Amino acid sequence: MNNQEHLFRTKIEVPKWEKPMSVSDHVVFLGSCFAQYMGERFQSFDLHALCNPLGVLYNPESIRLQVQAALHLEQLNIPLFCFQDEWRCWWAGTQICGSSEQECRDVVEGALQMLRLSILSADYLFITLGTNVCYQLKANGLVVANCHKAPSKLFSEEWLSLPDCVKSLMALVDDVHEQNPNLKIVFTISPFRYAKYGYHGNQLAKSTLMLAVEEVRKTYPALVSYFPAYEIMMDELRDYRFYTEDMLHPSGVAVDYIWDCLVKTAMSDTMQEYLQEYAPIRSGLLHTPNNPIS
C-alpha cells in the first residue's frame, strides 16, 4: 500500500520538531484565513491560543504594523475614520467598529492590549502570509489591513518587493524578540489562491513571500522556522476535491489533513494524547442539537 501511495502522490516530508509543543504552551496566530483556521482549531481544543484579535491580515507590512501597534501603543496614534456612520480602524478588519469614535477606540485599544499581553507571554507566534499585495491610503501612504469597502479612489495598490517583505519581517522579528526573547516564530504561506491578481500574479506573490521568509529564517535560525502548509496543499493534495466550491479556499478535509500534519510534526506525544482525549468533548461542543431547548 505504501508503494502505491508513493506512485500516486508526492509526500511532503516535514521533520518533527526537536522541541515539540506542550499543552501548557501559549500560542498567537496572526495573518490570513489559514492562520484563522489553525488558530480556531487550537481554541476548539481549549488550548491557550489567541487568533487575529483585530481581524484577518494578508501582507507582511500590515502584520508588522499591527504587532508594532500592540507593542508600542502608547507611542502611536490609532488611525480611526468614519465611514457610512460607523467608526473603523485602518489597522483592523471590518468586524471592528463602533457607533462613536471613542467606542471604536476602546475596542481597538482593548484588542491591541490583548495582543500585546499574549505576545509577551506566548511561547509561539504563528504568522501566515497570504500575499505581497497591499493597499495604501493616497492621503498619507499608510498601508491598511482592510479597505472596509471604502471608495477605491482612496487607495493605491502596491506590490511589495522582496526587499520590502524582508524588511517588514525582519523588523517584526526584531521587535517581538526584544519584548519576548523566548518566543519562537513559525511562518507559513497561505494555500489560498488569490484569483483577483491572476494565477500568475498569485504565484509571483507566493514566491516573493517564500523567498522573504527563507531570508529571515536564515538570519534567525534559532528563532524562526517554517511549516510547509502551502507545499502540502499544492503537492500532497493536488486535486480540486480538496478545495471549497470557489476552487480557491482549502476544503474542510484539506484543513483537517494539514492540521494532522502539524500535530504529528510540532506537538509532543503528551499533547497528542491530550487532543485524542479531548476530541469527544470537542465534538459535543461543536454539535448543534435539533432541539436547542431539549
C-alpha atoms as a PDB file:
ATOM      1  CA  MET A   1       0.000   0.000   0.000  1.00  0.00           C
ATOM      2  CA  ASN A   2       2.823   2.395   0.863  1.00  0.00           C
ATOM      3  CA  ASN A   3       4.445   1.754  -2.514  1.00  0.00           C
ATOM      4  CA  GLN A   4       1.185   2.618  -4.272  1.00  0.00           C
ATOM      5  CA  GLU A   5       0.882   5.828  -2.253  1.00  0.00           C
ATOM      6  CA  HIS A   6       4.320   6.893  -3.408  1.00  0.00           C
ATOM      7  CA  LEU A   7       3.339   6.166  -7.006  1.00  0.00           C
ATOM      8  CA  PHE A   8       0.206   8.304  -6.958  1.00  0.00           C
ATOM      9  CA  ARG A   9       1.106  11.355  -4.880  1.00  0.00           C
ATOM     10  CA  THR A  10       4.010  13.473  -3.719  1.00  0.00           C
ATOM     11  CA  LYS A  11       4.665  13.183   0.003  1.00  0.00           C
ATOM     12  CA  ILE A  12       5.971  16.295   1.758  1.00  0.00           C
ATOM     13  CA  GLU A  13       8.354  15.177   4.472  1.00  0.00           C
ATOM     14  CA  VAL A  14       8.165  17.526   7.447  1.00  0.00           C
ATOM     15  CA  PRO A  15      10.826  16.876  10.121  1.00  0.00           C
ATOM     16  CA  LYS A  16       9.476  16.501  13.647  1.00  0.00           C
ATOM     17  CA  TRP A  17      10.402  19.395  15.872  1.00  0.00           C
ATOM     18  CA  GLU A  18      13.325  18.728  18.200  1.00  0.00           C
ATOM     19  CA  LYS A  19      11.480  20.574  20.973  1.00  0.00           C
ATOM     20  CA  PRO A  20       7.778  19.978  20.286  1.00  0.00           C
ATOM     21  CA  MET A  21       4.920  21.996  21.703  1.00  0.00           C
ATOM     22  CA  SER A  22       3.252  21.106  25.002  1.00  0.00           C
ATOM     23  CA  VAL A  23      -0.319  21.503  26.232  1.00  0.00           C
ATOM     24  CA  SER A  24       0.651  24.391  28.509  1.00  0.00           C
ATOM     25  CA  ASP A  25       2.223  26.468  25.726  1.00  0.00           C
ATOM     26  CA  HIS A  26       0.652  29.785  24.758  1.00  0.00           C
ATOM     27  CA  VAL A  27       0.293  30.423  21.031  1.00  0.00           C
ATOM     28  CA  VAL A  28      -0.605  33.509  18.995  1.00  0.00           C
ATOM     29  CA  PHE A  29      -1.877  33.265  15.400  1.00  0.00           C
ATOM     30  CA  LEU A  30      -1.728  36.235  13.049  1.00  0.00           C
ATOM     31  CA  GLY A  31      -2.277  36.508   9.317  1.00  0.00           C
ATOM     32  CA  SER A  32      -4.513  35.289   6.546  1.00  0.00           C
ATOM     33  CA  CYS A  33      -7.512  32.981   6.708  1.00  0.00           C
ATOM     34  CA  PHE A  34      -5.263  29.928   7.121  1.00  0.00           C
ATOM     35  CA  ALA A  35      -3.974  31.340  10.420  1.00  0.00           C
ATOM     36  CA  GLN A  36      -7.623  31.711  11.335  1.00  0.00           C
ATOM     37  CA  TYR A  37      -8.293  28.027  10.551  1.00  0.00           C
ATOM     38  CA  MET A  38      -5.371  26.806  12.673  1.00  0.00           C
ATOM     39  CA  GLY A  39      -5.956  29.286  15.497  1.00  0.00           C
ATOM     40  CA  GLU A  40      -9.607  28.337  15.789  1.00  0.00           C
ATOM     41  CA  ARG A  41      -8.631  24.670  15.780  1.00  0.00           C
ATOM     42  CA  PHE A  42      -6.322  25.284  18.744  1.00  0.00           C
ATOM     43  CA  GLN A  43      -9.095  27.139  20.544  1.00  0.00           C
ATOM     44  CA  SER A  44     -11.593  24.341  19.861  1.00  0.00           C
ATOM     45  CA  PHE A  45      -9.334  22.013  21.866  1.00  0.00           C
ATOM     46  CA  ASP A  46      -9.293  24.511  24.752  1.00  0.00           C
ATOM     47  CA  LEU A  47      -5.597  25.263  24.222  1.00  0.00           C
ATOM     48  CA  HIS A  48      -4.028  28.617  25.120  1.00  0.00           C
ATOM     49  CA  ALA A  49      -4.382  30.452  21.797  1.00  0.00           C
ATOM     50  CA  LEU A  50      -5.166  33.951  20.572  1.00  0.00           C
ATOM     51  CA  CYS A  51      -6.199  34.315  16.940  1.00  0.00           C
ATOM     52  CA  ASN A  52      -6.308  37.557  14.927  1.00  0.00           C
ATOM     53  CA  PRO A  53      -7.925  39.771  17.592  1.00  0.00           C
ATOM     54  CA  LEU A  54      -8.286  42.628  15.075  1.00  0.00           C
ATOM     55  CA  GLY A  55      -9.257  40.512  12.103  1.00  0.00           C
ATOM     56  CA  VAL A  56      -7.552  38.674   9.267  1.00  0.00           C
ATOM     57  CA  LEU A  57      -4.297  40.091   7.856  1.00  0.00           C
ATOM     58  CA  TYR A  58      -2.768  39.367   4.474  1.00  0.00           C
ATOM     59  CA  ASN A  59       0.551  41.079   3.723  1.00  0.00           C
ATOM     60  CA  PRO A  60       3.803  41.354   5.727  1.00  0.00           C
ATOM     61  CA  GLU A  61       3.598  45.113   6.277  1.00  0.00           C
ATOM     62  CA  SER A  62       0.050  45.022   7.679  1.00  0.00           C
ATOM     63  CA  ILE A  63       1.098  42.310  10.120  1.00  0.00           C
ATOM     64  CA  ARG A  64       4.188  44.282  11.131  1.00  0.00           C
ATOM     65  CA  LEU A  65       2.144  47.427  11.691  1.00  0.00           C
ATOM     66  CA  GLN A  66      -0.367  45.621  13.886  1.00  0.00           C
ATOM     67  CA  VAL A  67       2.324  43.985  16.015  1.00  0.00           C
ATOM     68  CA  GLN A  68       4.120  47.310  16.326  1.00  0.00           C
ATOM     69  CA  ALA A  69       0.872  48.962  17.381  1.00  0.00           C
ATOM     70  CA  ALA A  70       0.281  46.309  20.032  1.00  0.00           C
ATOM     71  CA  LEU A  71       3.791  46.530  21.492  1.00  0.00           C
ATOM     72  CA  HIS A  72       4.098  50.334  21.336  1.00  0.00           C
ATOM     73  CA  LEU A  73       0.513  51.543  21.536  1.00  0.00           C
ATOM     74  CA  GLU A  74       1.333  54.492  23.789  1.00  0.00           C
ATOM     75  CA  GLN A  75       3.685  55.897  21.137  1.00  0.00           C
ATOM     76  CA  LEU A  76       1.280  55.693  18.192  1.00  0.00           C
ATOM     77  CA  ASN A  77      -1.899  57.370  17.028  1.00  0.00           C
ATOM     78  CA  ILE A  78      -4.648  54.890  16.162  1.00  0.00           C
ATOM     79  CA  PRO A  79      -5.823  55.603  12.580  1.00  0.00           C
ATOM     80  CA  LEU A  80      -9.586  55.840  13.066  1.00  0.00           C
ATOM     81  CA  PHE A  81     -12.046  57.051  10.448  1.00  0.00           C
ATOM     82  CA  CYS A  82     -15.800  57.364   9.969  1.00  0.00           C
ATOM     83  CA  PHE A  83     -17.475  55.649   7.032  1.00  0.00           C
ATOM     84  CA  GLN A  84     -21.203  55.190   6.484  1.00  0.00           C
ATOM     85  CA  ASP A  85     -21.996  56.370  10.034  1.00  0.00           C
ATOM     86  CA  GLU A  86     -19.630  53.845  11.654  1.00  0.00           C
ATOM     87  CA  TRP A  87     -16.195  54.394  13.123  1.00  0.00           C
ATOM     88  CA  ARG A  88     -13.498  51.985  11.985  1.00  0.00           C
ATOM     89  CA  CYS A  89      -9.722  51.489  12.129  1.00  0.00           C
ATOM     90  CA  TRP A  90      -7.297  51.087   9.212  1.00  0.00           C
ATOM     91  CA  TRP A  91      -5.284  48.593  11.296  1.00  0.00           C
ATOM     92  CA  ALA A  92      -8.287  46.311  11.764  1.00  0.00           C
ATOM     93  CA  GLY A  93     -10.809  44.215   9.854  1.00  0.00           C
ATOM     94  CA  THR A  94     -14.434  45.027   9.159  1.00  0.00           C
ATOM     95  CA  GLN A  95     -15.739  43.378  12.344  1.00  0.00           C
ATOM     96  CA  ILE A  96     -14.008  46.060  14.454  1.00  0.00           C
ATOM     97  CA  CYS A  97     -16.257  49.123  14.549  1.00  0.00           C
ATOM     98  CA  GLY A  98     -18.154  51.475  16.828  1.00  0.00           C
ATOM     99  CA  SER A  99     -21.040  53.911  16.743  1.00  0.00           C
ATOM    100  CA  SER A 100     -18.734  56.653  18.047  1.00  0.00           C
ATOM    101  CA  GLU A 101     -15.046  57.452  17.780  1.00  0.00           C
ATOM    102  CA  GLN A 102     -14.476  56.698  21.453  1.00  0.00           C
ATOM    103  CA  GLU A 103     -16.325  53.377  21.282  1.00  0.00           C
ATOM    104  CA  CYS A 104     -14.211  52.286  18.319  1.00  0.00           C
ATOM    105  CA  ARG A 105     -11.030  53.465  20.029  1.00  0.00           C
ATOM    106  CA  ASP A 106     -11.870  51.462  23.146  1.00  0.00           C
ATOM    107  CA  VAL A 107     -12.481  48.304  21.085  1.00  0.00           C
ATOM    108  CA  VAL A 108      -9.229  48.704  19.141  1.00  0.00           C
ATOM    109  CA  GLU A 109      -7.149  49.510  22.215  1.00  0.00           C
ATOM    110  CA  GLY A 110      -8.637  46.533  24.053  1.00  0.00           C
ATOM    111  CA  ALA A 111      -7.773  44.172  21.211  1.00  0.00           C
ATOM    112  CA  LEU A 112      -4.247  45.591  20.902  1.00  0.00           C
ATOM    113  CA  GLN A 113      -3.696  45.253  24.658  1.00  0.00           C
ATOM    114  CA  MET A 114      -4.859  41.648  24.437  1.00  0.00           C
ATOM    115  CA  LEU A 115      -2.428  41.038  21.566  1.00  0.00           C
ATOM    116  CA  ARG A 116       0.418  42.692  23.472  1.00  0.00           C
ATOM    117  CA  LEU A 117      -0.109  40.638  26.618  1.00  0.00           C
ATOM    118  CA  SER A 118      -0.432  37.462  24.553  1.00  0.00           C
ATOM    119  CA  ILE A 119       2.813  38.129  22.659  1.00  0.00           C
ATOM    120  CA  LEU A 120       4.669  38.890  25.891  1.00  0.00           C
ATOM    121  CA  SER A 121       3.559  35.584  27.441  1.00  0.00           C
ATOM    122  CA  ALA A 122       3.484  33.426  24.302  1.00  0.00           C
ATOM    123  CA  ASP A 123       5.764  30.505  23.531  1.00  0.00           C
ATOM    124  CA  TYR A 124       4.970  30.511  19.803  1.00  0.00           C
ATOM    125  CA  LEU A 125       3.842  33.058  17.251  1.00  0.00           C
ATOM    126  CA  PHE A 126       2.420  31.603  14.029  1.00  0.00           C
ATOM    127  CA  ILE A 127       2.331  34.062  11.129  1.00  0.00           C
ATOM    128  CA  THR A 128       0.567  33.113   7.906  1.00  0.00           C
ATOM    129  CA  LEU A 129       1.388  35.322   4.921  1.00  0.00           C
ATOM    130  CA  GLY A 130      -1.185  35.470   2.138  1.00  0.00           C
ATOM    131  CA  THR A 131       0.126  37.901  -0.447  1.00  0.00           C
ATOM    132  CA  ASN A 132       2.648  40.689  -1.002  1.00  0.00           C
ATOM    133  CA  VAL A 133      -0.083  42.948  -2.409  1.00  0.00           C
ATOM    134  CA  CYS A 134      -1.063  45.806  -0.124  1.00  0.00           C
ATOM    135  CA  TYR A 135      -3.252  48.892  -0.291  1.00  0.00           C
ATOM    136  CA  GLN A 136      -2.003  52.307   0.756  1.00  0.00           C
ATOM    137  CA  LEU A 137      -4.002  55.400   1.574  1.00  0.00           C
ATOM    138  CA  LYS A 138      -3.157  58.003  -1.039  1.00  0.00           C
ATOM    139  CA  ALA A 139      -3.533  60.714   1.579  1.00  0.00           C
ATOM    140  CA  ASN A 140      -0.640  59.605   3.783  1.00  0.00           C
ATOM    141  CA  GLY A 141       0.820  56.346   2.408  1.00  0.00           C
ATOM    142  CA  LEU A 142      -0.457  54.224   5.315  1.00  0.00           C
ATOM    143  CA  VAL A 143      -0.710  50.509   4.492  1.00  0.00           C
ATOM    144  CA  VAL A 144      -4.174  49.395   5.570  1.00  0.00           C
ATOM    145  CA  ALA A 145      -5.178  45.997   6.911  1.00  0.00           C
ATOM    146  CA  ASN A 146      -8.548  46.208   5.186  1.00  0.00           C
ATOM    147  CA  CYS A 147     -10.146  48.643   2.745  1.00  0.00           C
ATOM    148  CA  HIS A 148     -13.528  48.437   4.534  1.00  0.00           C
ATOM    149  CA  LYS A 149     -15.306  48.754   1.159  1.00  0.00           C
ATOM    150  CA  ALA A 150     -14.348  52.418   1.070  1.00  0.00           C
ATOM    151  CA  PRO A 151     -14.101  54.071  -2.395  1.00  0.00           C
ATOM    152  CA  SER A 152     -11.194  52.660  -4.415  1.00  0.00           C
ATOM    153  CA  LYS A 153     -10.051  56.187  -5.273  1.00  0.00           C
ATOM    154  CA  LEU A 154      -8.733  56.486  -1.715  1.00  0.00           C
ATOM    155  CA  PHE A 155      -6.139  53.735  -2.244  1.00  0.00           C
ATOM    156  CA  SER A 156      -3.214  52.777  -4.402  1.00  0.00           C
ATOM    157  CA  GLU A 157      -2.442  49.098  -4.972  1.00  0.00           C
ATOM    158  CA  GLU A 158       1.208  48.233  -4.311  1.00  0.00           C
ATOM    159  CA  TRP A 159       3.161  45.009  -4.758  1.00  0.00           C
ATOM    160  CA  LEU A 160       5.757  44.792  -2.002  1.00  0.00           C
ATOM    161  CA  SER A 161       9.142  43.851  -3.431  1.00  0.00           C
ATOM    162  CA  LEU A 162      11.299  41.098  -1.978  1.00  0.00           C
ATOM    163  CA  PRO A 163      13.462  43.648  -0.077  1.00  0.00           C
ATOM    164  CA  ASP A 164      10.262  45.303   1.210  1.00  0.00           C
ATOM    165  CA  CYS A 165       8.929  41.979   2.540  1.00  0.00           C
ATOM    166  CA  VAL A 166      12.262  41.058   4.105  1.00  0.00           C
ATOM    167  CA  LYS A 167      12.488  44.469   5.769  1.00  0.00           C
ATOM    168  CA  SER A 168       8.978  44.181   7.235  1.00  0.00           C
ATOM    169  CA  LEU A 169       9.513  40.643   8.526  1.00  0.00           C
ATOM    170  CA  MET A 170      12.959  41.418   9.944  1.00  0.00           C
ATOM    171  CA  ALA A 171      11.548  44.430  11.804  1.00  0.00           C
ATOM    172  CA  LEU A 172       8.708  42.298  13.142  1.00  0.00           C
ATOM    173  CA  VAL A 173      11.058  39.581  14.394  1.00  0.00           C
ATOM    174  CA  ASP A 174      13.398  42.139  15.994  1.00  0.00           C
ATOM    175  CA  ASP A 175      10.532  43.928  17.743  1.00  0.00           C
ATOM    176  CA  VAL A 176       8.933  40.748  19.055  1.00  0.00           C
ATOM    177  CA  HIS A 177      12.231  39.208  20.147  1.00  0.00           C
ATOM    178  CA  GLU A 178      13.179  42.344  22.048  1.00  0.00           C
ATOM    179  CA  GLN A 179       9.940  42.128  24.017  1.00  0.00           C
ATOM    180  CA  ASN A 180       9.901  38.324  24.439  1.00  0.00           C
ATOM    181  CA  PRO A 181      13.336  36.710  23.886  1.00  0.00           C
ATOM    182  CA  ASN A 182      11.930  33.188  24.380  1.00  0.00           C
ATOM    183  CA  LEU A 183       9.265  33.451  21.692  1.00  0.00           C
ATOM    184  CA  LYS A 184       9.565  31.114  18.689  1.00  0.00           C
ATOM    185  CA  ILE A 185       8.152  32.360  15.384  1.00  0.00           C
ATOM    186  CA  VAL A 186       6.698  29.945  12.840  1.00  0.00           C
ATOM    187  CA  PHE A 187       5.942  31.239   9.350  1.00  0.00           C
ATOM    188  CA  THR A 188       3.515  29.621   6.943  1.00  0.00           C
ATOM    189  CA  ILE A 189       2.334  30.628   3.481  1.00  0.00           C
ATOM    190  CA  SER A 190      -1.420  30.534   2.960  1.00  0.00           C
ATOM    191  CA  PRO A 191      -2.657  27.886   0.488  1.00  0.00           C
ATOM    192  CA  PHE A 192      -5.491  30.237  -0.527  1.00  0.00           C
ATOM    193  CA  ARG A 193      -5.232  31.221  -4.196  1.00  0.00           C
ATOM    194  CA  TYR A 194      -5.689  34.934  -4.900  1.00  0.00           C
ATOM    195  CA  ALA A 195      -7.503  34.798  -8.238  1.00  0.00           C
ATOM    196  CA  LYS A 196      -8.070  38.564  -8.092  1.00  0.00           C
ATOM    197  CA  TYR A 197      -4.457  39.140  -9.093  1.00  0.00           C
ATOM    198  CA  GLY A 198      -4.435  36.407 -11.733  1.00  0.00           C
ATOM    199  CA  TYR A 199      -2.969  32.956 -11.181  1.00  0.00           C
ATOM    200  CA  HIS A 200       0.439  34.012 -12.459  1.00  0.00           C
ATOM    201  CA  GLY A 201       0.314  37.007 -10.130  1.00  0.00           C
ATOM    202  CA  ASN A 202      -0.717  34.707  -7.296  1.00  0.00           C
ATOM    203  CA  GLN A 203       2.343  32.527  -7.895  1.00  0.00           C
ATOM    204  CA  LEU A 204       4.614  35.572  -8.059  1.00  0.00           C
ATOM    205  CA  ALA A 205       3.211  36.760  -4.734  1.00  0.00           C
ATOM    206  CA  LYS A 206       3.680  33.358  -3.060  1.00  0.00           C
ATOM    207  CA  SER A 207       7.213  33.078  -4.445  1.00  0.00           C
ATOM    208  CA  THR A 208       8.139  36.508  -3.111  1.00  0.00           C
ATOM    209  CA  LEU A 209       6.811  35.601   0.329  1.00  0.00           C
ATOM    210  CA  MET A 210       8.688  32.281   0.343  1.00  0.00           C
ATOM    211  CA  LEU A 211      11.967  33.952  -0.559  1.00  0.00           C
ATOM    212  CA  ALA A 212      11.419  36.593   2.128  1.00  0.00           C
ATOM    213  CA  VAL A 213      10.641  34.018   4.818  1.00  0.00           C
ATOM    214  CA  GLU A 214      13.686  31.967   3.834  1.00  0.00           C
ATOM    215  CA  GLU A 215      15.904  35.053   4.150  1.00  0.00           C
ATOM    216  CA  VAL A 216      14.516  35.749   7.624  1.00  0.00           C
ATOM    217  CA  ARG A 217      14.830  32.106   8.640  1.00  0.00           C
ATOM    218  CA  LYS A 218      18.495  32.030   7.632  1.00  0.00           C
ATOM    219  CA  THR A 219      19.143  35.231   9.579  1.00  0.00           C
ATOM    220  CA  TYR A 220      17.422  33.965  12.748  1.00  0.00           C
ATOM    221  CA  PRO A 221      17.808  30.155  12.641  1.00  0.00           C
ATOM    222  CA  ALA A 222      17.270  29.783  16.389  1.00  0.00           C
ATOM    223  CA  LEU A 223      14.126  31.919  16.467  1.00  0.00           C
ATOM    224  CA  VAL A 224      12.356  31.379  13.149  1.00  0.00           C
ATOM    225  CA  SER A 225      11.067  28.236  11.456  1.00  0.00           C
ATOM    226  CA  TYR A 226       8.782  27.406   8.546  1.00  0.00           C
ATOM    227  CA  PHE A 227       5.865  24.993   8.302  1.00  0.00           C
ATOM    228  CA  PRO A 228       5.075  23.952   4.693  1.00  0.00           C
ATOM    229  CA  ALA A 229       1.274  24.284   4.688  1.00  0.00           C
ATOM    230  CA  TYR A 230       1.367  25.705   1.149  1.00  0.00           C
ATOM    231  CA  GLU A 231       3.507  22.862  -0.175  1.00  0.00           C
ATOM    232  CA  ILE A 232       1.296  20.230   1.441  1.00  0.00           C
ATOM    233  CA  MET A 233      -1.737  21.752  -0.266  1.00  0.00           C
ATOM    234  CA  MET A 234      -0.067  22.184  -3.642  1.00  0.00           C
ATOM    235  CA  ASP A 235       1.713  18.814  -3.803  1.00  0.00           C
ATOM    236  CA  GLU A 236       0.153  16.254  -1.491  1.00  0.00           C
ATOM    237  CA  LEU A 237      -3.411  17.498  -2.007  1.00  0.00           C
ATOM    238  CA  ARG A 238      -3.089  18.367  -5.687  1.00  0.00           C
ATOM    239  CA  ASP A 239      -6.742  17.863  -6.581  1.00  0.00           C
ATOM    240  CA  TYR A 240      -9.777  20.172  -6.750  1.00  0.00           C
ATOM    241  CA  ARG A 241     -11.723  17.880  -4.413  1.00  0.00           C
ATOM    242  CA  PHE A 242      -9.598  19.404  -1.636  1.00  0.00           C
ATOM    243  CA  TYR A 243     -10.963  22.893  -2.352  1.00  0.00           C
ATOM    244  CA  THR A 244     -14.264  24.520  -1.490  1.00  0.00           C
ATOM    245  CA  GLU A 245     -16.812  25.349  -4.181  1.00  0.00           C
ATOM    246  CA  ASP A 246     -14.961  28.549  -5.151  1.00  0.00           C
ATOM    247  CA  MET A 247     -11.916  26.408  -6.054  1.00  0.00           C
ATOM    248  CA  LEU A 248      -9.739  28.860  -4.126  1.00  0.00           C
ATOM    249  CA  HIS A 249     -10.056  28.047  -0.405  1.00  0.00           C
ATOM    250  CA  PRO A 250      -8.883  24.744   1.121  1.00  0.00           C
ATOM    251  CA  SER A 251     -11.809  22.483   1.992  1.00  0.00           C
ATOM    252  CA  GLY A 252     -12.517  21.195   5.477  1.00  0.00           C
ATOM    253  CA  VAL A 253     -10.884  17.887   4.540  1.00  0.00           C
ATOM    254  CA  ALA A 254      -7.729  19.723   3.448  1.00  0.00           C
ATOM    255  CA  VAL A 255      -7.609  21.788   6.639  1.00  0.00           C
ATOM    256  CA  ASP A 256      -8.035  18.585   8.680  1.00  0.00           C
ATOM    257  CA  TYR A 257      -5.159  16.952   6.812  1.00  0.00           C
ATOM    258  CA  ILE A 258      -2.789  19.903   7.279  1.00  0.00           C
ATOM    259  CA  TRP A 259      -3.825  20.083  10.935  1.00  0.00           C
ATOM    260  CA  ASP A 260      -2.888  16.401  11.340  1.00  0.00           C
ATOM    261  CA  CYS A 261       0.491  17.131   9.741  1.00  0.00           C
ATOM    262  CA  LEU A 262       1.055  19.964  12.220  1.00  0.00           C
ATOM    263  CA  VAL A 263       0.011  17.760  15.145  1.00  0.00           C
ATOM    264  CA  LYS A 264       2.418  14.962  14.202  1.00  0.00           C
ATOM    265  CA  THR A 265       5.250  17.368  13.421  1.00  0.00           C
ATOM    266  CA  ALA A 266       5.059  20.045  16.095  1.00  0.00           C
ATOM    267  CA  MET A 267       3.361  18.522  19.137  1.00  0.00           C
ATOM    268  CA  SER A 268       4.718  16.313  21.871  1.00  0.00           C
ATOM    269  CA  ASP A 269       3.369  12.804  22.450  1.00  0.00           C
ATOM    270  CA  THR A 270       1.664  14.034  25.626  1.00  0.00           C
ATOM    271  CA  MET A 271      -0.025  16.845  23.725  1.00  0.00           C
ATOM    272  CA  GLN A 272      -1.202  14.440  21.027  1.00  0.00           C
ATOM    273  CA  GLU A 273      -2.696  12.209  23.716  1.00  0.00           C
ATOM    274  CA  TYR A 274      -4.480  15.233  25.162  1.00  0.00           C
ATOM    275  CA  LEU A 275      -6.003  16.014  21.745  1.00  0.00           C
ATOM    276  CA  GLN A 276      -7.262  12.442  21.415  1.00  0.00           C
ATOM    277  CA  GLU A 277      -8.808  12.518  24.874  1.00  0.00           C
ATOM    278  CA  TYR A 278     -10.385  15.923  24.291  1.00  0.00           C
ATOM    279  CA  ALA A 279     -11.774  15.026  20.836  1.00  0.00           C
ATOM    280  CA  PRO A 280     -15.135  13.654  22.154  1.00  0.00           C
ATOM    281  CA  ILE A 281     -15.634  16.803  24.251  1.00  0.00           C
ATOM    282  CA  ARG A 282     -14.828  18.976  21.224  1.00  0.00           C
ATOM    283  CA  SER A 283     -17.306  17.043  19.083  1.00  0.00           C
ATOM    284  CA  GLY A 284     -20.002  17.520  21.702  1.00  0.00           C
ATOM    285  CA  LEU A 285     -19.336  21.254  21.946  1.00  0.00           C
ATOM    286  CA  LEU A 286     -19.443  21.636  18.161  1.00  0.00           C
ATOM    287  CA  HIS A 287     -22.646  19.628  17.842  1.00  0.00           C
ATOM    288  CA  THR A 288     -25.830  21.587  17.135  1.00  0.00           C
ATOM    289  CA  PRO A 289     -28.873  19.819  18.657  1.00  0.00           C
ATOM    290  CA  ASN A 290     -32.069  19.561  16.647  1.00  0.00           C
ATOM    291  CA  ASN A 291     -33.983  20.925  19.601  1.00  0.00           C
ATOM    292  CA  PRO A 292     -31.823  23.551  21.395  1.00  0.00           C
ATOM    293  CA  ILE A 293     -34.118  23.652  24.473  1.00  0.00           C
ATOM    294  CA  SER A 294     -34.202  19.866  24.936  1.00  0.00           C
END
